[in-house]
């Protein structure tokens, strides 16, 4: 079994930069922290998906594919291979790796699992690959789980794991947990 962990980076994620912090640097710091969490997972191969964000090769470890995609909706279609994949929104730099592990575990009983974001949408979506053609993943859909369950051809095809938060606007910086390990690049930029 090959598991892929892809970090999705979009230009709008820079909107969370607080006043006085360069939005491009902030986006790169968040993306690097999220990528380092994904790359540190055991038995998972990391990928970076860029939806129009340049310079992501600079944060990738050697051998990590950095793939350009036209839009976030193309994220799963862009995964190069694998039997299971998770796409993680790069604006969750302090996401605990355990939550990604729980999504993969839920794939034992469902085709898609979602880590819901506080305030709507998703932090991460995991699925058996190829991604089910009945589903349309949208990280910013307010009630993504309900929509996916309506699209599913049968019951119990969409599961959820514990939720988390994303940084979508400057006020969301207060959600970062200083007690958690990781997110070193974002922490350094904010201090």
C-alpha atoms as a PDB file:
ATOM      1  CA  UNK A   1       0.000   0.000   0.000  1.00  0.00           C
ATOM      2  CA  UNK A   2       1.355   3.413  -0.964  1.00  0.00           C
ATOM      3  CA  UNK A   3       0.059   6.426   0.927  1.00  0.00           C
ATOM      4  CA  UNK A   4       0.511   9.955  -0.386  1.00  0.00           C
ATOM      5  CA  UNK A   5       0.316  13.075   1.805  1.00  0.00           C
ATOM      6  CA  UNK A   6      -0.078  16.151  -0.388  1.00  0.00           C
ATOM      7  CA  UNK A   7       0.095  19.719   0.902  1.00  0.00           C
ATOM      8  CA  UNK A   8      -2.152  22.058  -1.089  1.00  0.00           C
ATOM      9  CA  UNK A   9      -0.919  25.657  -1.371  1.00  0.00           C
ATOM     10  CA  UNK A  10      -3.080  28.427  -2.863  1.00  0.00           C
ATOM     11  CA  UNK A  11      -2.416  32.189  -3.190  1.00  0.00           C
ATOM     12  CA  UNK A  12      -5.458  33.114  -1.054  1.00  0.00           C
ATOM     13  CA  UNK A  13      -3.841  31.455   1.967  1.00  0.00           C
ATOM     14  CA  UNK A  14      -1.600  34.540   2.216  1.00  0.00           C
ATOM     15  CA  UNK A  15      -4.703  36.510   3.299  1.00  0.00           C
ATOM     16  CA  UNK A  16      -4.139  35.335   6.890  1.00  0.00           C
ATOM     17  CA  UNK A  17      -0.890  37.300   7.207  1.00  0.00           C
ATOM     18  CA  UNK A  18      -1.150  39.683  10.164  1.00  0.00           C
ATOM     19  CA  UNK A  19      -0.349  43.391   9.729  1.00  0.00           C
ATOM     20  CA  UNK A  20       3.379  43.993   9.388  1.00  0.00           C
ATOM     21  CA  UNK A  21       4.133  40.485   8.088  1.00  0.00           C
ATOM     22  CA  UNK A  22       4.844  40.006   4.378  1.00  0.00           C
ATOM     23  CA  UNK A  23       1.984  37.887   2.980  1.00  0.00           C
ATOM     24  CA  UNK A  24       4.258  35.901   0.616  1.00  0.00           C
ATOM     25  CA  UNK A  25       6.705  35.074   3.443  1.00  0.00           C
ATOM     26  CA  UNK A  26       3.801  34.137   5.710  1.00  0.00           C
ATOM     27  CA  UNK A  27       2.337  31.808   3.078  1.00  0.00           C
ATOM     28  CA  UNK A  28       5.712  30.144   2.541  1.00  0.00           C
ATOM     29  CA  UNK A  29       6.244  29.698   6.320  1.00  0.00           C
ATOM     30  CA  UNK A  30       2.806  28.085   6.793  1.00  0.00           C
ATOM     31  CA  UNK A  31       3.305  25.859   3.762  1.00  0.00           C
ATOM     32  CA  UNK A  32       6.737  24.761   4.973  1.00  0.00           C
ATOM     33  CA  UNK A  33       5.446  23.910   8.460  1.00  0.00           C
ATOM     34  CA  UNK A  34       2.511  21.934   7.052  1.00  0.00           C
ATOM     35  CA  UNK A  35       4.806  20.179   4.566  1.00  0.00           C
ATOM     36  CA  UNK A  36       7.352  19.257   7.266  1.00  0.00           C
ATOM     37  CA  UNK A  37       4.558  17.682   9.320  1.00  0.00           C
ATOM     38  CA  UNK A  38       3.384  15.680   6.292  1.00  0.00           C
ATOM     39  CA  UNK A  39       6.927  14.704   5.276  1.00  0.00           C
ATOM     40  CA  UNK A  40       7.601  13.484   8.811  1.00  0.00           C
ATOM     41  CA  UNK A  41       4.745  10.980   8.760  1.00  0.00           C
ATOM     42  CA  UNK A  42       5.822   7.344   8.694  1.00  0.00           C
ATOM     43  CA  UNK A  43       4.851   5.155   5.716  1.00  0.00           C
ATOM     44  CA  UNK A  44       3.698   8.200   3.733  1.00  0.00           C
ATOM     45  CA  UNK A  45       5.229   9.827   0.671  1.00  0.00           C
ATOM     46  CA  UNK A  46       4.946  13.640   0.633  1.00  0.00           C
ATOM     47  CA  UNK A  47       3.925  15.799  -2.333  1.00  0.00           C
ATOM     48  CA  UNK A  48       3.433  19.562  -2.632  1.00  0.00           C
ATOM     49  CA  UNK A  49       0.562  20.798  -4.814  1.00  0.00           C
ATOM     50  CA  UNK A  50       0.854  24.403  -5.989  1.00  0.00           C
ATOM     51  CA  UNK A  51      -2.280  26.120  -7.270  1.00  0.00           C
ATOM     52  CA  UNK A  52      -0.420  29.144  -8.606  1.00  0.00           C
ATOM     53  CA  UNK A  53       2.148  29.729  -5.844  1.00  0.00           C
ATOM     54  CA  UNK A  54       5.760  30.047  -7.052  1.00  0.00           C
ATOM     55  CA  UNK A  55       8.889  29.114  -5.088  1.00  0.00           C
ATOM     56  CA  UNK A  56       7.636  25.988  -3.317  1.00  0.00           C
ATOM     57  CA  UNK A  57      10.645  23.977  -4.521  1.00  0.00           C
ATOM     58  CA  UNK A  58      12.628  25.889  -1.875  1.00  0.00           C
ATOM     59  CA  UNK A  59      10.732  24.216   0.992  1.00  0.00           C
ATOM     60  CA  UNK A  60      10.675  20.659  -0.419  1.00  0.00           C
ATOM     61  CA  UNK A  61      13.060  17.998   0.737  1.00  0.00           C
ATOM     62  CA  UNK A  62      15.099  16.361  -2.067  1.00  0.00           C
ATOM     63  CA  UNK A  63      12.967  13.926  -4.043  1.00  0.00           C
ATOM     64  CA  UNK A  64       9.626  15.472  -3.079  1.00  0.00           C
ATOM     65  CA  UNK A  65       7.475  16.209  -6.133  1.00  0.00           C
ATOM     66  CA  UNK A  66       6.211  19.795  -6.395  1.00  0.00           C
ATOM     67  CA  UNK A  67       3.286  19.703  -8.809  1.00  0.00           C
ATOM     68  CA  UNK A  68       1.427  22.626 -10.359  1.00  0.00           C
ATOM     69  CA  UNK A  69      -2.336  22.285 -10.523  1.00  0.00           C
ATOM     70  CA  UNK A  70      -4.903  24.572 -12.124  1.00  0.00           C
ATOM     71  CA  UNK A  71      -7.206  24.734  -9.115  1.00  0.00           C
ATOM     72  CA  UNK A  72      -7.677  23.108  -5.695  1.00  0.00           C
ATOM     73  CA  UNK A  73     -10.445  20.926  -7.145  1.00  0.00           C
ATOM     74  CA  UNK A  74      -7.755  19.158  -9.216  1.00  0.00           C
ATOM     75  CA  UNK A  75      -5.738  18.165  -6.130  1.00  0.00           C
ATOM     76  CA  UNK A  76      -6.626  14.463  -6.005  1.00  0.00           C
ATOM     77  CA  UNK A  77      -6.422  14.046  -9.778  1.00  0.00           C
ATOM     78  CA  UNK A  78      -2.846  15.384  -9.632  1.00  0.00           C
ATOM     79  CA  UNK A  79      -1.581  12.762  -7.186  1.00  0.00           C
ATOM     80  CA  UNK A  80       0.978  10.781  -9.183  1.00  0.00           C
ATOM     81  CA  UNK A  81       0.229   7.315  -7.761  1.00  0.00           C
ATOM     82  CA  UNK A  82      -0.820   5.589  -4.570  1.00  0.00           C
ATOM     83  CA  UNK A  83      -3.584   3.484  -3.067  1.00  0.00           C
ATOM     84  CA  UNK A  84      -4.577   6.087  -0.451  1.00  0.00           C
ATOM     85  CA  UNK A  85      -4.027   9.805  -0.380  1.00  0.00           C
ATOM     86  CA  UNK A  86      -4.632  12.769   1.861  1.00  0.00           C
ATOM     87  CA  UNK A  87      -4.652  16.383   0.731  1.00  0.00           C
ATOM     88  CA  UNK A  88      -3.860  18.827   3.534  1.00  0.00           C
ATOM     89  CA  UNK A  89      -4.563  22.544   3.386  1.00  0.00           C
ATOM     90  CA  UNK A  90      -1.271  24.420   3.876  1.00  0.00           C
ATOM     91  CA  UNK A  91      -2.943  27.024   6.111  1.00  0.00           C
ATOM     92  CA  UNK A  92      -2.913  24.650   9.101  1.00  0.00           C
ATOM     93  CA  UNK A  93       0.738  24.919  10.175  1.00  0.00           C
ATOM     94  CA  UNK A  94       0.160  23.538  13.682  1.00  0.00           C
ATOM     95  CA  UNK A  95      -1.922  20.529  12.576  1.00  0.00           C
ATOM     96  CA  UNK A  96      -0.988  17.526  14.748  1.00  0.00           C
ATOM     97  CA  UNK A  97       0.223  14.578  12.624  1.00  0.00           C
ATOM     98  CA  UNK A  98      -1.976  12.247  14.686  1.00  0.00           C
ATOM     99  CA  UNK A  99      -5.056  13.722  12.985  1.00  0.00           C
ATOM    100  CA  UNK A 100      -3.741  12.657   9.570  1.00  0.00           C
ATOM    101  CA  UNK A 101      -3.142   9.153  10.904  1.00  0.00           C
ATOM    102  CA  UNK A 102      -6.746   9.029  12.112  1.00  0.00           C
ATOM    103  CA  UNK A 103      -7.991   9.966   8.634  1.00  0.00           C
ATOM    104  CA  UNK A 104      -6.029   7.100   7.080  1.00  0.00           C
ATOM    105  CA  UNK A 105      -7.362   4.711   9.719  1.00  0.00           C
ATOM    106  CA  UNK A 106     -10.964   5.706   8.881  1.00  0.00           C
ATOM    107  CA  UNK A 107     -10.363   4.701   5.246  1.00  0.00           C
ATOM    108  CA  UNK A 108     -10.716   1.126   6.469  1.00  0.00           C
ATOM    109  CA  UNK A 109     -14.469   1.692   6.656  1.00  0.00           C
ATOM    110  CA  UNK A 110     -15.150   4.647   4.343  1.00  0.00           C
ATOM    111  CA  UNK A 111     -14.019   5.799   0.901  1.00  0.00           C
ATOM    112  CA  UNK A 112     -13.454   9.407   2.015  1.00  0.00           C
ATOM    113  CA  UNK A 113     -12.589  10.873   5.419  1.00  0.00           C
ATOM    114  CA  UNK A 114     -12.595  14.540   6.334  1.00  0.00           C
ATOM    115  CA  UNK A 115     -10.850  16.572   9.018  1.00  0.00           C
ATOM    116  CA  UNK A 116     -13.356  19.408   9.258  1.00  0.00           C
ATOM    117  CA  UNK A 117     -12.186  22.992   9.755  1.00  0.00           C
ATOM    118  CA  UNK A 118     -13.550  25.201  12.491  1.00  0.00           C
ATOM    119  CA  UNK A 119     -15.832  27.687  10.761  1.00  0.00           C
ATOM    120  CA  UNK A 120     -16.583  25.333   7.861  1.00  0.00           C
ATOM    121  CA  UNK A 121     -14.680  23.598   5.108  1.00  0.00           C
ATOM    122  CA  UNK A 122     -11.912  21.061   5.530  1.00  0.00           C
ATOM    123  CA  UNK A 123      -8.373  21.006   6.877  1.00  0.00           C
ATOM    124  CA  UNK A 124      -7.631  17.669   5.219  1.00  0.00           C
ATOM    125  CA  UNK A 125      -9.433  15.142   3.049  1.00  0.00           C
ATOM    126  CA  UNK A 126      -8.279  11.530   2.709  1.00  0.00           C
ATOM    127  CA  UNK A 127      -9.527   8.982   0.198  1.00  0.00           C
ATOM    128  CA  UNK A 128      -8.843   5.667  -1.393  1.00  0.00           C
ATOM    129  CA  UNK A 129      -7.313   6.252  -4.811  1.00  0.00           C
ATOM    130  CA  UNK A 130      -8.327   6.856  -7.465  1.00  0.00           C
ATOM    131  CA  UNK A 131     -10.561   9.478  -5.855  1.00  0.00           C
ATOM    132  CA  UNK A 132     -14.234   8.467  -6.119  1.00  0.00           C
ATOM    133  CA  UNK A 133     -15.817  10.004  -9.218  1.00  0.00           C
ATOM    134  CA  UNK A 134     -19.055  10.685  -7.342  1.00  0.00           C
ATOM    135  CA  UNK A 135     -17.366  13.217  -5.040  1.00  0.00           C
ATOM    136  CA  UNK A 136     -16.253  16.798  -5.602  1.00  0.00           C
ATOM    137  CA  UNK A 137     -13.872  17.898  -2.830  1.00  0.00           C
ATOM    138  CA  UNK A 138     -13.960  21.611  -1.997  1.00  0.00           C
ATOM    139  CA  UNK A 139     -11.865  22.684   0.997  1.00  0.00           C
ATOM    140  CA  UNK A 140     -13.894  25.870   1.382  1.00  0.00           C
ATOM    141  CA  UNK A 141     -17.391  24.362   1.098  1.00  0.00           C
ATOM    142  CA  UNK A 142     -19.106  25.463   4.366  1.00  0.00           C
ATOM    143  CA  UNK A 143     -20.646  22.029   5.041  1.00  0.00           C
ATOM    144  CA  UNK A 144     -18.446  19.761   2.977  1.00  0.00           C
ATOM    145  CA  UNK A 145     -19.293  16.567   4.872  1.00  0.00           C
ATOM    146  CA  UNK A 146     -23.047  16.995   4.331  1.00  0.00           C
ATOM    147  CA  UNK A 147     -22.495  17.681   0.634  1.00  0.00           C
ATOM    148  CA  UNK A 148     -20.228  14.655   0.186  1.00  0.00           C
ATOM    149  CA  UNK A 149     -22.725  12.447   2.004  1.00  0.00           C
ATOM    150  CA  UNK A 150     -25.485  13.662  -0.340  1.00  0.00           C
ATOM    151  CA  UNK A 151     -23.251  12.874  -3.351  1.00  0.00           C
ATOM    152  CA  UNK A 152     -22.310   9.402  -2.066  1.00  0.00           C
ATOM    153  CA  UNK A 153     -24.032   6.473  -3.781  1.00  0.00           C
ATOM    154  CA  UNK A 154     -24.477   4.672  -0.456  1.00  0.00           C
ATOM    155  CA  UNK A 155     -24.387   5.110   3.322  1.00  0.00           C
ATOM    156  CA  UNK A 156     -21.218   5.270   5.434  1.00  0.00           C
ATOM    157  CA  UNK A 157     -18.975   6.201   2.491  1.00  0.00           C
ATOM    158  CA  UNK A 158     -17.889   9.506   4.089  1.00  0.00           C
ATOM    159  CA  UNK A 159     -16.382   9.524   7.579  1.00  0.00           C
ATOM    160  CA  UNK A 160     -14.965  12.288   9.731  1.00  0.00           C
ATOM    161  CA  UNK A 161     -12.020  12.495  12.054  1.00  0.00           C
ATOM    162  CA  UNK A 162     -11.361  15.110  14.732  1.00  0.00           C
ATOM    163  CA  UNK A 163     -11.522  18.683  13.443  1.00  0.00           C
ATOM    164  CA  UNK A 164      -8.880  21.439  13.526  1.00  0.00           C
ATOM    165  CA  UNK A 165      -8.485  25.071  12.489  1.00  0.00           C
ATOM    166  CA  UNK A 166      -7.154  26.876   9.439  1.00  0.00           C
ATOM    167  CA  UNK A 167      -5.610  30.338   9.256  1.00  0.00           C
ATOM    168  CA  UNK A 168      -7.862  32.220   6.818  1.00  0.00           C
ATOM    169  CA  UNK A 169      -7.696  35.777   8.172  1.00  0.00           C
ATOM    170  CA  UNK A 170      -5.294  37.604  10.521  1.00  0.00           C
ATOM    171  CA  UNK A 171      -7.575  37.083  13.564  1.00  0.00           C
ATOM    172  CA  UNK A 172      -7.124  33.304  13.163  1.00  0.00           C
ATOM    173  CA  UNK A 173      -3.489  33.616  14.320  1.00  0.00           C
ATOM    174  CA  UNK A 174      -4.860  33.497  17.889  1.00  0.00           C
ATOM    175  CA  UNK A 175      -5.887  29.857  17.259  1.00  0.00           C
ATOM    176  CA  UNK A 176      -2.265  28.708  16.966  1.00  0.00           C
ATOM    177  CA  UNK A 177      -1.328  26.640  20.010  1.00  0.00           C
ATOM    178  CA  UNK A 178       2.056  27.783  21.378  1.00  0.00           C
ATOM    179  CA  UNK A 179       2.233  24.560  23.413  1.00  0.00           C
ATOM    180  CA  UNK A 180       2.291  22.334  20.332  1.00  0.00           C
ATOM    181  CA  UNK A 181       5.554  21.247  18.753  1.00  0.00           C
ATOM    182  CA  UNK A 182       6.168  22.093  15.131  1.00  0.00           C
ATOM    183  CA  UNK A 183       5.112  25.170  13.160  1.00  0.00           C
ATOM    184  CA  UNK A 184       8.591  26.593  13.755  1.00  0.00           C
ATOM    185  CA  UNK A 185       8.716  28.731  10.597  1.00  0.00           C
ATOM    186  CA  UNK A 186       5.355  30.368  11.244  1.00  0.00           C
ATOM    187  CA  UNK A 187       6.236  30.857  14.920  1.00  0.00           C
ATOM    188  CA  UNK A 188       9.571  32.507  14.021  1.00  0.00           C
ATOM    189  CA  UNK A 189       7.904  34.842  11.514  1.00  0.00           C
ATOM    190  CA  UNK A 190       5.281  35.942  14.050  1.00  0.00           C
ATOM    191  CA  UNK A 191       7.683  36.494  16.951  1.00  0.00           C
END
